[in-house]
Amino acid sequence: MNRIMIGMAAAVSLLATGAMAADLAPRPTVKAPPMVDPGYNWTGFYAGLNGGYSWGRSNATVLPTTPLAVSIGQNVDGGLGGGQIGYNWQVDPKWVLGVEADIQGTGERGRSIDTLAAVRIGSVGLTGTANSSTDFPWFATFRGRAGLLADPSLLLYATGGLAVGEVKFGTQATLTGQLFDGNNAPAGAPVTVVGATVSESQIRWGWTAGAGIEKKFNRNWSAKLEYLYLDLGSATSFGGTANETTVKFHDHVLRAGFNYQFTPGPVVAKY
């Protein structure tokens, strides 16, 4: 009898517990908050390497103080490579300001052989050629940058500032003289004189301006594509000599590179 009573009590207890459980509300399901794609803080120091190609132009006037003066235009093209350092300030979620300095070694070189003007001095006629060259072995720039963030990792920027570089100009004149008689007929064989090769290197200062695009792949690494125009003005080589030459030089530079940011700020939320 006791066993029957104990069994009945246990059954009643189980039924009551089930009924109470049925009356309780189901436990709510809590979803994890959605992941927020972080943006990038551009503030900090950076350094990097670059490489590309440049298309320069040299415009020179050789022997300007003589009747044989000639104007020479040369394409001074070649590859280049170098490095850059800088600092950025992200002044708000959309704008970045910065300063940058870079130095480049180049293979830019131009060559030409140009015919000098033919002149007649009394009974002597003079003709000749100028074998000339222009080299642009290196340059450096010191620039400001101002850019707009198209998205947190993509910077579109304009840049400009000072430029300095070495311009080397060389030339060798070859002159041919012909004596004419009273009937304007050649008298005797022509005489050719090959002048000495002269060259001069000058460190020239000017200005530069351009634009570029830079893409961050994480907080530290970015890649960029950049165009620069350099104008180093005009200067005189071999001043005070018979070879005095005025040389004007400018350059177009297209280069790609990468930067490593040493001091990235804290990651900010994507806007």
Protein backbone atom coordinates (compact mmCIF):
# COMPACT_ATOMS: atom_id res chain seq x y z
CA MET A 1 0.00 0.00 0.00
CA ASN A 2 2.79 2.37 0.92
CA ARG A 3 4.51 1.66 -2.35
CA ILE A 4 1.34 2.50 -4.27
CA MET A 5 0.95 5.78 -2.43
CA ILE A 6 4.57 6.79 -3.07
CA GLY A 7 4.19 6.03 -6.79
CA MET A 8 1.03 8.10 -7.07
CA ALA A 9 2.73 11.06 -5.32
CA ALA A 10 5.67 10.94 -7.72
CA ALA A 11 3.36 10.89 -10.73
CA VAL A 12 1.41 13.89 -9.42
CA SER A 13 4.69 15.80 -8.88
CA LEU A 14 5.88 15.13 -12.43
CA LEU A 15 2.58 16.27 -13.90
CA ALA A 16 2.67 19.50 -11.90
CA THR A 17 6.24 20.27 -12.98
CA GLY A 18 5.35 19.71 -16.65
CA ALA A 19 2.34 22.00 -16.35
CA MET A 20 4.45 24.79 -14.80
CA ALA A 21 7.07 24.42 -17.52
CA ALA A 22 4.38 24.68 -20.20
CA ASP A 23 3.17 27.96 -18.65
CA LEU A 24 6.63 29.60 -18.82
CA ALA A 25 7.46 31.89 -21.82
CA PRO A 26 10.16 30.57 -24.22
CA ARG A 27 13.64 32.00 -23.72
CA PRO A 28 14.23 34.84 -26.23
CA THR A 29 16.88 34.33 -28.94
CA VAL A 30 19.57 37.03 -28.81
CA LYS A 31 21.39 37.71 -32.09
CA ALA A 32 24.98 38.91 -32.12
CA PRO A 33 25.33 42.52 -33.27
CA PRO A 34 26.27 42.89 -36.95
CA MET A 35 29.97 43.25 -37.69
CA VAL A 36 30.97 46.81 -38.58
CA ASP A 37 33.56 47.13 -41.32
CA PRO A 38 36.28 49.35 -39.82
CA GLY A 39 37.62 52.38 -41.61
CA TYR A 40 41.21 53.63 -41.62
CA ASN A 41 43.00 56.45 -39.87
CA TRP A 42 45.48 58.07 -42.28
CA THR A 43 47.26 60.16 -39.63
CA GLY A 44 50.93 59.25 -39.14
CA PHE A 45 54.40 58.95 -40.61
CA TYR A 46 55.00 56.78 -43.68
CA ALA A 47 57.79 55.75 -46.05
CA GLY A 48 57.87 53.80 -49.29
CA LEU A 49 59.42 53.02 -52.66
CA ASN A 50 58.34 53.83 -56.21
CA GLY A 51 59.24 53.30 -59.85
CA GLY A 52 58.03 54.52 -63.21
CA TYR A 53 58.89 56.41 -66.39
CA SER A 54 59.35 60.05 -67.32
CA TRP A 55 59.15 62.08 -70.50
CA GLY A 56 61.36 65.16 -70.40
CA ARG A 57 62.02 67.94 -72.88
CA SER A 58 65.12 70.07 -73.32
CA ASN A 59 65.01 73.21 -75.44
CA ALA A 60 68.45 74.73 -76.02
CA THR A 61 69.94 77.53 -78.08
CA VAL A 62 73.53 76.68 -79.03
CA LEU A 63 76.07 79.36 -80.03
CA PRO A 64 73.54 82.17 -79.46
CA THR A 65 76.21 84.90 -79.82
CA THR A 66 77.30 83.77 -83.31
CA PRO A 67 75.65 83.77 -86.74
CA LEU A 68 75.62 79.97 -86.51
CA ALA A 69 73.13 79.93 -83.63
CA VAL A 70 70.71 77.01 -83.67
CA SER A 71 67.75 76.02 -81.53
CA ILE A 72 67.70 72.39 -80.42
CA GLY A 73 64.79 70.42 -78.99
CA GLN A 74 65.45 67.02 -77.44
CA ASN A 75 63.20 64.39 -75.87
CA VAL A 76 64.87 63.35 -72.61
CA ASP A 77 63.09 60.14 -71.62
CA GLY A 78 63.85 57.17 -69.38
CA GLY A 79 62.94 55.03 -66.41
CA LEU A 80 63.20 56.13 -62.80
CA GLY A 81 63.07 54.75 -59.28
CA GLY A 82 63.37 56.07 -55.76
CA GLY A 83 61.77 56.49 -52.37
CA GLN A 84 59.52 58.84 -50.44
CA ILE A 85 58.78 59.80 -46.83
CA GLY A 86 55.92 61.87 -45.46
CA TYR A 87 53.33 62.60 -42.82
CA ASN A 88 49.53 62.72 -43.12
CA TRP A 89 46.87 64.40 -41.00
CA GLN A 90 43.31 63.11 -41.34
CA VAL A 91 41.59 66.35 -40.41
CA ASP A 92 38.06 64.89 -40.56
CA PRO A 93 36.35 61.76 -41.96
CA LYS A 94 36.67 63.04 -45.54
CA TRP A 95 39.86 65.10 -45.84
CA VAL A 96 43.58 64.33 -45.52
CA LEU A 97 46.44 66.86 -45.55
CA GLY A 98 50.11 65.95 -45.69
CA VAL A 99 53.71 66.73 -46.60
CA GLU A 100 56.03 64.49 -48.64
CA ALA A 101 59.64 64.46 -49.84
CA ASP A 102 61.08 62.09 -52.43
CA ILE A 103 64.30 61.50 -54.34
CA GLN A 104 64.63 59.72 -57.69
CA GLY A 105 67.43 58.33 -59.80
CA THR A 106 66.65 58.35 -63.52
CA GLY A 107 67.95 57.03 -66.82
CA GLU A 108 66.65 60.04 -68.74
CA ARG A 109 68.83 60.97 -71.69
CA GLY A 110 68.44 62.82 -74.99
CA ARG A 111 70.74 63.03 -78.03
CA SER A 112 70.60 64.92 -81.33
CA ILE A 113 72.75 66.10 -84.24
CA ASP A 114 71.49 69.44 -85.56
CA THR A 115 72.54 71.48 -88.57
CA LEU A 116 73.82 74.95 -87.77
CA ALA A 117 72.73 77.93 -89.81
CA ALA A 118 74.75 78.49 -93.00
CA VAL A 119 76.36 81.92 -93.11
CA ARG A 120 78.56 83.89 -95.52
CA ILE A 121 81.28 86.14 -94.14
CA GLY A 122 82.95 87.95 -97.05
CA SER A 123 84.33 85.27 -99.34
CA VAL A 124 84.09 82.52 -96.72
CA GLY A 125 81.01 80.35 -96.27
CA LEU A 126 80.47 78.53 -92.98
CA THR A 127 78.27 75.54 -92.25
CA GLY A 128 78.30 73.06 -89.41
CA THR A 129 76.58 70.71 -87.03
CA ALA A 130 76.11 70.52 -83.27
CA ASN A 131 76.23 67.09 -81.64
CA SER A 132 74.40 67.69 -78.36
CA SER A 133 73.15 65.76 -75.36
CA THR A 134 70.97 66.38 -72.29
CA ASP A 135 70.98 64.13 -69.20
CA PHE A 136 68.72 64.28 -66.15
CA PRO A 137 70.33 61.83 -63.69
CA TRP A 138 68.34 62.65 -60.54
CA PHE A 139 65.74 64.90 -58.99
CA ALA A 140 63.97 65.44 -55.68
CA THR A 141 60.71 67.12 -54.68
CA PHE A 142 59.34 68.67 -51.48
CA ARG A 143 55.57 68.86 -51.68
CA GLY A 144 52.31 69.39 -49.85
CA ARG A 145 49.36 67.03 -50.39
CA ALA A 146 45.62 67.59 -49.99
CA GLY A 147 43.17 64.78 -50.62
CA LEU A 148 39.57 63.64 -50.48
CA LEU A 149 38.64 60.19 -49.16
CA ALA A 150 36.30 58.65 -51.72
CA ASP A 151 35.85 55.89 -49.13
CA PRO A 152 37.79 55.22 -45.91
CA SER A 153 40.56 53.36 -47.76
CA LEU A 154 40.78 55.33 -51.05
CA LEU A 155 42.46 58.75 -51.20
CA LEU A 156 42.30 61.06 -54.23
CA TYR A 157 44.82 63.87 -53.88
CA ALA A 158 46.52 66.87 -55.48
CA THR A 159 50.13 67.74 -54.73
CA GLY A 160 52.62 70.51 -55.44
CA GLY A 161 55.76 72.25 -54.22
CA LEU A 162 59.49 72.61 -54.91
CA ALA A 163 61.62 70.53 -57.26
CA VAL A 164 65.40 70.27 -57.58
CA GLY A 165 67.46 68.23 -60.03
CA GLU A 166 70.68 67.93 -62.00
CA VAL A 167 70.60 68.91 -65.67
CA LYS A 168 73.71 68.05 -67.67
CA PHE A 169 74.16 69.52 -71.15
CA GLY A 170 77.00 68.73 -73.54
CA THR A 171 77.77 69.75 -77.11
CA GLN A 172 80.41 69.45 -79.81
CA ALA A 173 80.40 71.75 -82.82
CA THR A 174 81.81 70.76 -86.20
CA LEU A 175 82.43 73.69 -88.58
CA THR A 176 83.18 73.57 -92.29
CA GLY A 177 84.59 76.61 -94.11
CA GLN A 178 84.61 77.10 -97.88
CA LEU A 179 86.44 79.88 -99.72
CA PHE A 180 84.70 81.40 -102.76
CA ASP A 181 86.23 83.43 -105.61
CA GLY A 182 84.90 86.60 -107.19
CA ASN A 183 82.50 84.60 -109.36
CA ASN A 184 81.05 82.91 -106.26
CA ALA A 185 82.66 79.61 -107.22
CA PRO A 186 84.42 77.41 -104.63
CA ALA A 187 88.11 78.11 -104.47
CA GLY A 188 89.95 75.12 -103.12
CA ALA A 189 88.77 72.31 -100.87
CA PRO A 190 86.58 72.95 -97.84
CA VAL A 191 88.19 72.88 -94.42
CA THR A 192 86.48 71.11 -91.51
CA VAL A 193 87.28 71.83 -87.88
CA VAL A 194 85.93 69.60 -85.10
CA GLY A 195 85.56 71.51 -81.88
CA ALA A 196 86.18 70.19 -78.40
CA THR A 197 83.37 68.42 -76.57
CA VAL A 198 82.17 70.58 -73.68
CA SER A 199 79.66 69.67 -70.97
CA GLU A 200 78.35 71.21 -67.79
CA SER A 201 76.15 69.94 -64.97
CA GLN A 202 73.92 72.32 -63.06
CA ILE A 203 71.76 71.84 -59.97
CA ARG A 204 68.51 73.53 -60.90
CA TRP A 205 65.54 74.55 -58.72
CA GLY A 206 61.96 74.82 -59.93
CA TRP A 207 58.44 73.75 -59.13
CA THR A 208 56.25 70.68 -59.45
CA ALA A 209 52.53 69.88 -59.40
CA GLY A 210 50.47 66.77 -59.93
CA ALA A 211 47.81 64.39 -58.68
CA GLY A 212 47.45 60.81 -57.56
CA ILE A 213 45.37 58.03 -56.06
CA GLU A 214 46.32 55.94 -53.01
CA LYS A 215 44.61 52.79 -51.73
CA LYS A 216 45.02 51.29 -48.23
CA PHE A 217 44.89 47.51 -47.93
CA ASN A 218 45.16 47.47 -44.13
CA ARG A 219 46.10 49.89 -41.35
CA ASN A 220 49.76 50.01 -42.43
CA TRP A 221 50.12 49.24 -46.15
CA SER A 222 48.95 51.23 -49.17
CA ALA A 223 49.69 51.46 -52.90
CA LYS A 224 49.62 54.57 -55.08
CA LEU A 225 49.72 55.81 -58.67
CA GLU A 226 50.97 59.37 -59.24
CA TYR A 227 51.63 61.92 -62.00
CA LEU A 228 53.96 64.90 -61.57
CA TYR A 229 54.95 67.78 -63.84
CA LEU A 230 58.38 69.33 -63.14
CA ASP A 231 59.61 72.68 -64.50
CA LEU A 232 63.24 73.54 -63.81
CA GLY A 233 63.22 76.73 -65.87
CA SER A 234 66.12 77.87 -68.05
CA ALA A 235 69.79 78.49 -67.33
CA THR A 236 72.97 79.31 -69.26
CA SER A 237 75.80 76.83 -69.71
CA PHE A 238 79.36 77.74 -70.80
CA GLY A 239 78.68 81.39 -70.11
CA GLY A 240 81.17 83.83 -71.62
CA THR A 241 82.54 81.32 -74.18
CA ALA A 242 81.88 80.66 -77.85
CA ASN A 243 79.81 77.65 -76.79
CA GLU A 244 77.41 79.62 -74.58
CA THR A 245 74.08 77.77 -74.51
CA THR A 246 70.72 78.49 -72.93
CA VAL A 247 68.92 75.33 -71.79
CA LYS A 248 65.30 75.10 -70.66
CA PHE A 249 64.05 71.84 -69.12
CA HIS A 250 60.74 70.31 -68.00
CA ASP A 251 59.59 66.76 -67.27
CA HIS A 252 56.47 64.58 -67.02
CA VAL A 253 56.62 61.74 -64.47
CA LEU A 254 54.29 58.77 -64.07
CA ARG A 255 55.12 56.39 -61.22
CA ALA A 256 53.60 53.70 -59.01
CA GLY A 257 54.67 52.78 -55.51
CA PHE A 258 53.75 51.61 -52.05
CA ASN A 259 53.86 53.12 -48.54
CA TYR A 260 54.15 51.70 -45.04
CA GLN A 261 52.52 53.81 -42.30
CA PHE A 262 54.53 53.54 -39.08
CA THR A 263 52.14 55.24 -36.65
CA PRO A 264 48.53 54.55 -37.65
CA GLY A 265 45.97 56.01 -35.31
CA PRO A 266 43.17 53.93 -33.77
CA VAL A 267 40.79 52.29 -36.20
CA VAL A 268 37.63 54.35 -36.61
CA ALA A 269 34.15 53.19 -37.56
CA LYS A 270 33.18 53.19 -41.20
CA TYR A 271 31.02 56.17 -42.10
